[in-house]
């Protein structure tokens, strides 16, 4: 039996959305996530990551840094979390990943949407998708609304 996935993701209205479960992703899962973004990079205008308790290993942070340095474009990447630990981790990532990554507390999700330049229609589609991905994983509403 394969281990449960630690996060799910989708591309919706040109926004790549990920919703994490508690705990770090496996290395295989992380590589597949980055590969998915890489395959679709020309279709992606922004990346939104909802990480209630998400964490990355040092190797995964390094892979992310190398991945983004190799991409032909750098869409804005917003991480939304209630966790100060995630805020600190993403802050550390900004030292290694080009400056498109920013972190927002859950209460500031509208600022995250502004950062990735979501239109009103995109916001509605993104929120539906975020809630659906959370429900599929048995998680509470990551939007906190």
N, C-alpha and C. Protein backbone atom coordinates (compact mmCIF):
# COMPACT_ATOMS: atom_id res chain seq x y z
N UNK A 1 0.84 -1.18 0.00
CA UNK A 1 0.00 0.00 0.00
C UNK A 1 0.89 1.25 0.00
N UNK A 2 0.61 2.18 -0.90
CA UNK A 2 1.43 3.39 -0.98
C UNK A 2 0.99 4.37 0.11
N UNK A 3 1.93 5.19 0.58
CA UNK A 3 1.58 6.15 1.62
C UNK A 3 0.60 7.19 1.09
N UNK A 4 -0.20 7.74 2.00
CA UNK A 4 -1.17 8.77 1.62
C UNK A 4 -0.43 10.01 1.12
N UNK A 5 -1.02 10.65 0.13
CA UNK A 5 -0.43 11.89 -0.38
C UNK A 5 -0.55 12.97 0.68
N UNK A 6 0.44 13.85 0.68
CA UNK A 6 0.44 14.91 1.68
C UNK A 6 -0.11 16.22 1.13
N UNK A 7 -0.35 16.27 -0.19
CA UNK A 7 -1.01 17.45 -0.74
C UNK A 7 -1.56 17.12 -2.11
N UNK A 8 -2.53 17.96 -2.51
CA UNK A 8 -3.17 17.83 -3.82
C UNK A 8 -3.05 19.17 -4.52
N UNK A 9 -3.06 19.12 -5.85
CA UNK A 9 -2.92 20.37 -6.61
C UNK A 9 -3.66 20.27 -7.93
N UNK A 10 -3.99 21.45 -8.45
CA UNK A 10 -4.71 21.57 -9.72
C UNK A 10 -4.37 22.90 -10.37
N UNK A 11 -4.58 22.96 -11.66
CA UNK A 11 -4.48 24.21 -12.41
C UNK A 11 -5.90 24.67 -12.70
N UNK A 12 -6.25 25.86 -12.21
CA UNK A 12 -7.59 26.41 -12.37
C UNK A 12 -7.48 27.85 -12.84
N UNK A 13 -8.03 28.13 -14.02
CA UNK A 13 -8.06 29.49 -14.55
C UNK A 13 -6.68 30.15 -14.52
N UNK A 14 -5.66 29.38 -14.93
CA UNK A 14 -4.26 29.81 -15.06
C UNK A 14 -3.55 30.01 -13.71
N UNK A 15 -4.17 29.51 -12.63
CA UNK A 15 -3.56 29.56 -11.30
C UNK A 15 -3.30 28.13 -10.84
N UNK A 16 -2.05 27.84 -10.50
CA UNK A 16 -1.69 26.51 -9.99
C UNK A 16 -1.91 26.54 -8.49
N UNK A 17 -2.81 25.69 -8.00
CA UNK A 17 -3.25 25.70 -6.60
C UNK A 17 -2.82 24.40 -5.93
N UNK A 18 -2.24 24.51 -4.74
CA UNK A 18 -1.90 23.34 -3.94
C UNK A 18 -2.46 23.51 -2.53
N UNK A 19 -2.99 22.42 -1.98
CA UNK A 19 -3.46 22.40 -0.60
C UNK A 19 -2.75 21.26 0.11
N UNK A 20 -1.99 21.61 1.15
CA UNK A 20 -1.17 20.65 1.89
C UNK A 20 -1.89 20.08 3.10
N UNK A 21 -1.56 18.84 3.41
CA UNK A 21 -1.92 18.20 4.67
C UNK A 21 -0.76 18.44 5.65
N UNK A 22 -0.95 18.12 6.92
CA UNK A 22 0.19 18.23 7.85
C UNK A 22 1.33 17.30 7.43
N UNK A 23 2.54 17.74 7.66
CA UNK A 23 3.71 16.92 7.39
C UNK A 23 4.34 17.22 6.05
N UNK A 24 5.62 16.87 5.93
CA UNK A 24 6.32 17.14 4.67
C UNK A 24 5.92 16.15 3.58
N UNK A 25 5.95 16.60 2.33
CA UNK A 25 5.68 15.66 1.24
C UNK A 25 6.86 14.70 1.08
N UNK A 26 6.58 13.54 0.49
CA UNK A 26 7.69 12.63 0.16
C UNK A 26 8.51 13.27 -0.95
N UNK A 27 9.73 12.82 -1.10
CA UNK A 27 10.58 13.37 -2.16
C UNK A 27 9.97 13.12 -3.53
N UNK A 28 9.40 11.93 -3.74
CA UNK A 28 8.76 11.63 -5.04
C UNK A 28 7.58 12.56 -5.30
N UNK A 29 6.78 12.78 -4.28
CA UNK A 29 5.63 13.67 -4.41
C UNK A 29 6.07 15.10 -4.75
N UNK A 30 7.12 15.55 -4.09
CA UNK A 30 7.63 16.90 -4.32
C UNK A 30 8.16 17.04 -5.75
N UNK A 31 8.92 16.04 -6.20
CA UNK A 31 9.45 16.10 -7.57
C UNK A 31 8.32 16.12 -8.59
N UNK A 32 7.27 15.33 -8.36
CA UNK A 32 6.14 15.31 -9.29
C UNK A 32 5.41 16.65 -9.31
N UNK A 33 5.27 17.28 -8.16
CA UNK A 33 4.64 18.60 -8.07
C UNK A 33 5.42 19.62 -8.90
N UNK A 34 6.72 19.68 -8.69
CA UNK A 34 7.54 20.61 -9.46
C UNK A 34 7.48 20.28 -10.95
N UNK A 35 7.49 19.00 -11.29
CA UNK A 35 7.41 18.60 -12.70
C UNK A 35 6.08 19.03 -13.31
N UNK A 36 5.00 18.95 -12.53
CA UNK A 36 3.70 19.38 -13.03
C UNK A 36 3.70 20.87 -13.35
N UNK A 37 4.27 21.65 -12.46
CA UNK A 37 4.37 23.09 -12.72
C UNK A 37 5.25 23.32 -13.95
N UNK A 38 6.37 22.63 -14.03
CA UNK A 38 7.28 22.79 -15.16
C UNK A 38 6.63 22.47 -16.49
N UNK A 39 5.83 21.41 -16.53
CA UNK A 39 5.13 21.03 -17.77
C UNK A 39 4.13 22.09 -18.21
N UNK A 40 3.57 22.81 -17.24
CA UNK A 40 2.49 23.77 -17.53
C UNK A 40 2.91 25.23 -17.39
N UNK A 41 4.18 25.49 -17.21
CA UNK A 41 4.63 26.83 -16.83
C UNK A 41 4.08 27.92 -17.75
N UNK A 42 3.96 27.66 -19.02
CA UNK A 42 3.47 28.69 -19.94
C UNK A 42 1.97 28.95 -19.75
N UNK A 43 1.28 28.06 -19.07
CA UNK A 43 -0.15 28.21 -18.82
C UNK A 43 -0.44 28.81 -17.44
N UNK A 44 0.62 29.04 -16.66
CA UNK A 44 0.46 29.46 -15.26
C UNK A 44 0.78 30.95 -15.12
N UNK A 45 -0.20 31.69 -14.57
CA UNK A 45 0.00 33.12 -14.29
C UNK A 45 0.30 33.37 -12.81
N UNK A 46 0.03 32.39 -11.96
CA UNK A 46 0.28 32.53 -10.53
C UNK A 46 0.23 31.17 -9.86
N UNK A 47 0.87 31.07 -8.71
CA UNK A 47 0.89 29.84 -7.91
C UNK A 47 0.40 30.20 -6.51
N UNK A 48 -0.61 29.47 -6.05
CA UNK A 48 -1.14 29.64 -4.69
C UNK A 48 -0.97 28.34 -3.93
N UNK A 49 -0.34 28.41 -2.77
CA UNK A 49 -0.12 27.23 -1.94
C UNK A 49 -0.78 27.48 -0.59
N UNK A 50 -1.67 26.59 -0.21
CA UNK A 50 -2.33 26.66 1.09
C UNK A 50 -1.69 25.59 1.96
N UNK A 51 -0.94 26.02 2.96
CA UNK A 51 -0.13 25.11 3.76
C UNK A 51 -0.45 25.29 5.24
N UNK A 52 -1.53 24.67 5.72
CA UNK A 52 -1.88 24.84 7.13
C UNK A 52 -0.75 24.41 8.06
N UNK A 53 -0.05 23.33 7.69
CA UNK A 53 1.07 22.86 8.51
C UNK A 53 2.16 22.31 7.61
N UNK A 54 2.18 22.75 6.37
CA UNK A 54 3.14 22.21 5.40
C UNK A 54 4.57 22.52 5.78
N UNK A 55 5.44 21.61 5.46
CA UNK A 55 6.85 21.82 5.72
C UNK A 55 7.63 21.11 4.63
N UNK A 56 8.79 21.64 4.31
CA UNK A 56 9.66 21.04 3.31
C UNK A 56 10.99 20.68 3.95
N UNK A 57 11.59 19.61 3.46
CA UNK A 57 12.93 19.25 3.93
C UNK A 57 13.96 20.18 3.30
N UNK A 58 15.15 20.16 3.81
CA UNK A 58 16.22 20.98 3.24
C UNK A 58 16.44 20.62 1.78
N UNK A 59 16.43 19.32 1.45
CA UNK A 59 16.61 18.89 0.06
C UNK A 59 15.48 19.41 -0.83
N UNK A 60 14.25 19.40 -0.33
CA UNK A 60 13.11 19.90 -1.12
C UNK A 60 13.22 21.40 -1.34
N UNK A 61 13.66 22.13 -0.34
CA UNK A 61 13.87 23.58 -0.51
C UNK A 61 14.93 23.83 -1.58
N UNK A 62 15.98 23.04 -1.57
CA UNK A 62 17.03 23.17 -2.57
C UNK A 62 16.51 22.83 -3.97
N UNK A 63 15.70 21.78 -4.07
CA UNK A 63 15.11 21.42 -5.37
C UNK A 63 14.23 22.55 -5.89
N UNK A 64 13.45 23.16 -4.99
CA UNK A 64 12.58 24.27 -5.41
C UNK A 64 13.43 25.44 -5.91
N UNK A 65 14.50 25.73 -5.21
CA UNK A 65 15.37 26.82 -5.63
C UNK A 65 15.93 26.56 -7.03
N UNK A 66 16.46 25.38 -7.25
CA UNK A 66 17.01 25.04 -8.57
C UNK A 66 15.93 25.04 -9.64
N UNK A 67 14.77 24.51 -9.31
CA UNK A 67 13.66 24.46 -10.26
C UNK A 67 13.30 25.85 -10.76
N UNK A 68 13.09 26.78 -9.84
CA UNK A 68 12.65 28.12 -10.24
C UNK A 68 13.73 28.88 -10.99
N UNK A 69 14.98 28.62 -10.69
CA UNK A 69 16.07 29.27 -11.43
C UNK A 69 16.11 28.82 -12.89
N UNK A 70 15.55 27.64 -13.18
CA UNK A 70 15.60 27.10 -14.54
C UNK A 70 14.35 27.42 -15.37
N UNK A 71 13.35 28.04 -14.79
CA UNK A 71 12.09 28.26 -15.50
C UNK A 71 12.17 29.48 -16.41
N UNK A 72 11.46 29.42 -17.55
CA UNK A 72 11.49 30.54 -18.49
C UNK A 72 10.68 31.75 -18.01
N UNK A 73 9.82 31.54 -17.02
CA UNK A 73 9.08 32.65 -16.43
C UNK A 73 8.89 32.39 -14.95
N UNK A 74 8.68 33.45 -14.20
CA UNK A 74 8.53 33.35 -12.75
C UNK A 74 7.20 33.95 -12.32
N UNK A 75 6.14 33.14 -12.34
CA UNK A 75 4.86 33.68 -11.89
C UNK A 75 4.91 33.98 -10.39
N UNK A 76 4.11 34.93 -9.93
CA UNK A 76 4.09 35.19 -8.49
C UNK A 76 3.61 33.94 -7.75
N UNK A 77 4.24 33.66 -6.61
CA UNK A 77 3.94 32.47 -5.83
C UNK A 77 3.58 32.93 -4.42
N UNK A 78 2.35 32.67 -4.00
CA UNK A 78 1.88 33.06 -2.67
C UNK A 78 1.60 31.82 -1.84
N UNK A 79 2.13 31.80 -0.64
CA UNK A 79 1.85 30.75 0.33
C UNK A 79 0.93 31.34 1.38
N UNK A 80 -0.19 30.66 1.63
CA UNK A 80 -1.19 31.11 2.61
C UNK A 80 -1.22 30.10 3.75
N UNK A 81 -1.06 30.60 4.97
CA UNK A 81 -0.95 29.70 6.12
C UNK A 81 -1.37 30.39 7.41
N UNK A 82 -1.87 29.63 8.38
CA UNK A 82 -2.07 30.20 9.71
C UNK A 82 -0.83 30.01 10.59
N UNK A 83 0.18 29.31 10.07
CA UNK A 83 1.32 28.88 10.86
C UNK A 83 2.51 29.82 10.78
N UNK A 84 2.97 30.28 11.92
CA UNK A 84 4.17 31.12 11.94
C UNK A 84 5.40 30.32 11.54
N UNK A 85 5.40 29.00 11.79
CA UNK A 85 6.51 28.15 11.35
C UNK A 85 6.62 28.17 9.83
N UNK A 86 5.49 28.07 9.14
CA UNK A 86 5.50 28.13 7.68
C UNK A 86 5.95 29.52 7.22
N UNK A 87 5.50 30.55 7.91
CA UNK A 87 5.93 31.91 7.56
C UNK A 87 7.45 32.00 7.62
N UNK A 88 8.05 31.45 8.68
CA UNK A 88 9.51 31.49 8.82
C UNK A 88 10.20 30.65 7.74
N UNK A 89 9.65 29.47 7.44
CA UNK A 89 10.24 28.60 6.42
C UNK A 89 10.23 29.27 5.07
N UNK A 90 9.09 29.86 4.71
CA UNK A 90 9.01 30.55 3.42
C UNK A 90 9.93 31.76 3.41
N UNK A 91 10.03 32.44 4.53
CA UNK A 91 10.96 33.56 4.61
C UNK A 91 12.39 33.11 4.32
N UNK A 92 12.75 31.93 4.83
CA UNK A 92 14.08 31.38 4.55
C UNK A 92 14.22 31.02 3.07
N UNK A 93 13.16 30.50 2.48
CA UNK A 93 13.20 30.15 1.05
C UNK A 93 13.47 31.37 0.18
N UNK A 94 12.99 32.53 0.60
CA UNK A 94 13.19 33.74 -0.20
C UNK A 94 14.66 34.07 -0.38
N UNK A 95 15.51 33.55 0.50
CA UNK A 95 16.95 33.76 0.32
C UNK A 95 17.47 32.98 -0.88
N UNK A 96 16.78 31.89 -1.23
CA UNK A 96 17.28 30.97 -2.26
C UNK A 96 16.48 30.99 -3.55
N UNK A 97 15.20 31.27 -3.46
CA UNK A 97 14.33 31.28 -4.63
C UNK A 97 14.21 32.72 -5.10
N UNK A 98 14.21 32.93 -6.41
CA UNK A 98 13.98 34.30 -6.89
C UNK A 98 12.77 34.91 -6.18
N UNK A 99 12.74 36.20 -6.11
CA UNK A 99 11.85 36.93 -5.20
C UNK A 99 10.36 36.83 -5.49
N UNK A 100 9.92 35.90 -6.34
CA UNK A 100 8.49 35.84 -6.62
C UNK A 100 7.68 35.21 -5.49
N UNK A 101 8.32 34.62 -4.48
CA UNK A 101 7.59 33.95 -3.42
C UNK A 101 7.32 34.91 -2.26
N UNK A 102 6.05 34.90 -1.81
CA UNK A 102 5.65 35.69 -0.63
C UNK A 102 4.73 34.84 0.22
N UNK A 103 4.71 35.09 1.50
CA UNK A 103 3.87 34.34 2.42
C UNK A 103 2.85 35.27 3.05
N UNK A 104 1.64 34.74 3.26
CA UNK A 104 0.54 35.51 3.83
C UNK A 104 -0.15 34.66 4.89
N UNK A 105 -0.49 35.28 5.99
CA UNK A 105 -1.31 34.59 6.98
C UNK A 105 -2.70 34.40 6.41
N UNK A 106 -3.39 33.38 6.86
CA UNK A 106 -4.73 33.06 6.35
C UNK A 106 -5.65 34.28 6.38
N UNK A 107 -5.57 35.04 7.45
CA UNK A 107 -6.45 36.22 7.56
C UNK A 107 -6.18 37.24 6.45
N UNK A 108 -5.03 37.14 5.79
CA UNK A 108 -4.66 38.08 4.72
C UNK A 108 -4.76 37.45 3.34
N UNK A 109 -5.63 36.44 3.19
CA UNK A 109 -5.74 35.72 1.92
C UNK A 109 -6.07 36.66 0.76
N UNK A 110 -6.85 37.71 1.01
CA UNK A 110 -7.17 38.64 -0.08
C UNK A 110 -5.91 39.34 -0.59
N UNK A 111 -4.95 39.59 0.29
CA UNK A 111 -3.67 40.17 -0.15
C UNK A 111 -2.90 39.17 -1.01
N UNK A 112 -3.00 37.89 -0.67
CA UNK A 112 -2.36 36.86 -1.50
C UNK A 112 -2.99 36.84 -2.89
N UNK A 113 -4.31 36.95 -2.94
CA UNK A 113 -5.00 37.00 -4.24
C UNK A 113 -4.56 38.22 -5.04
N UNK A 114 -4.42 39.35 -4.37
CA UNK A 114 -3.94 40.55 -5.06
C UNK A 114 -2.52 40.34 -5.58
N UNK A 115 -1.69 39.71 -4.78
CA UNK A 115 -0.30 39.48 -5.17
C UNK A 115 -0.20 38.64 -6.45
N UNK A 116 -1.05 37.62 -6.57
CA UNK A 116 -1.01 36.80 -7.80
C UNK A 116 -1.93 37.36 -8.88
N UNK A 117 -2.50 38.53 -8.61
CA UNK A 117 -3.30 39.29 -9.58
C UNK A 117 -4.56 38.54 -10.05
N UNK A 118 -5.31 37.99 -9.08
CA UNK A 118 -6.55 37.30 -9.43
C UNK A 118 -7.66 38.29 -9.73
N UNK A 119 -8.40 38.00 -10.79
CA UNK A 119 -9.61 38.76 -11.08
C UNK A 119 -10.72 38.25 -10.17
N UNK A 120 -11.84 38.95 -10.15
CA UNK A 120 -12.98 38.51 -9.33
C UNK A 120 -13.45 37.12 -9.69
N UNK A 121 -13.55 36.82 -10.98
CA UNK A 121 -13.98 35.49 -11.42
C UNK A 121 -12.96 34.42 -11.03
N UNK A 122 -11.68 34.75 -11.15
CA UNK A 122 -10.65 33.80 -10.77
C UNK A 122 -10.71 33.52 -9.26
N UNK A 123 -10.96 34.54 -8.47
CA UNK A 123 -11.04 34.36 -7.01
C UNK A 123 -12.11 33.34 -6.65
N UNK A 124 -13.27 33.47 -7.27
CA UNK A 124 -14.35 32.52 -6.98
C UNK A 124 -13.95 31.10 -7.38
N UNK A 125 -13.36 30.94 -8.55
CA UNK A 125 -12.95 29.61 -9.02
C UNK A 125 -11.85 29.04 -8.13
N UNK A 126 -10.90 29.88 -7.73
CA UNK A 126 -9.82 29.44 -6.85
C UNK A 126 -10.38 29.00 -5.50
N UNK A 127 -11.27 29.79 -4.92
CA UNK A 127 -11.82 29.41 -3.61
C UNK A 127 -12.60 28.11 -3.68
N UNK A 128 -13.36 27.91 -4.76
CA UNK A 128 -14.07 26.63 -4.92
C UNK A 128 -13.07 25.48 -4.97
N UNK A 129 -12.01 25.65 -5.74
CA UNK A 129 -11.01 24.60 -5.89
C UNK A 129 -10.28 24.33 -4.57
N UNK A 130 -9.91 25.37 -3.86
CA UNK A 130 -9.21 25.21 -2.58
C UNK A 130 -10.07 24.40 -1.61
N UNK A 131 -11.32 24.76 -1.52
CA UNK A 131 -12.22 24.04 -0.61
C UNK A 131 -12.42 22.59 -1.05
N UNK A 132 -12.51 22.38 -2.35
CA UNK A 132 -12.66 21.01 -2.87
C UNK A 132 -11.42 20.17 -2.56
N UNK A 133 -10.24 20.72 -2.80
CA UNK A 133 -9.00 19.98 -2.50
C UNK A 133 -8.89 19.67 -1.01
N UNK A 134 -9.29 20.62 -0.17
CA UNK A 134 -9.26 20.39 1.28
C UNK A 134 -10.24 19.28 1.67
N UNK A 135 -11.46 19.35 1.14
CA UNK A 135 -12.47 18.32 1.46
C UNK A 135 -11.99 16.93 1.04
N UNK A 136 -11.39 16.85 -0.15
CA UNK A 136 -10.89 15.56 -0.65
C UNK A 136 -9.87 14.94 0.29
N UNK A 137 -9.17 15.78 1.05
CA UNK A 137 -8.13 15.30 1.96
C UNK A 137 -8.61 15.24 3.41
N UNK A 138 -9.89 15.56 3.63
CA UNK A 138 -10.43 15.54 4.99
C UNK A 138 -9.92 16.69 5.84
N UNK A 139 -9.57 17.81 5.21
CA UNK A 139 -9.04 18.96 5.93
C UNK A 139 -10.13 20.01 6.16
N UNK A 140 -9.97 20.82 7.20
CA UNK A 140 -10.90 21.94 7.37
C UNK A 140 -10.68 22.99 6.28
N UNK A 141 -11.59 23.90 6.16
CA UNK A 141 -11.51 24.97 5.16
C UNK A 141 -10.22 25.78 5.39
N UNK A 142 -9.26 25.72 4.44
CA UNK A 142 -8.01 26.46 4.64
C UNK A 142 -8.16 27.97 4.51
N UNK A 143 -9.33 28.42 4.05
CA UNK A 143 -9.54 29.86 3.92
C UNK A 143 -9.98 30.49 5.24
N UNK A 144 -10.37 29.66 6.19
CA UNK A 144 -10.76 30.17 7.50
C UNK A 144 -11.98 31.05 7.47
N UNK A 145 -12.83 30.87 6.45
CA UNK A 145 -14.02 31.72 6.35
C UNK A 145 -15.27 30.94 6.63
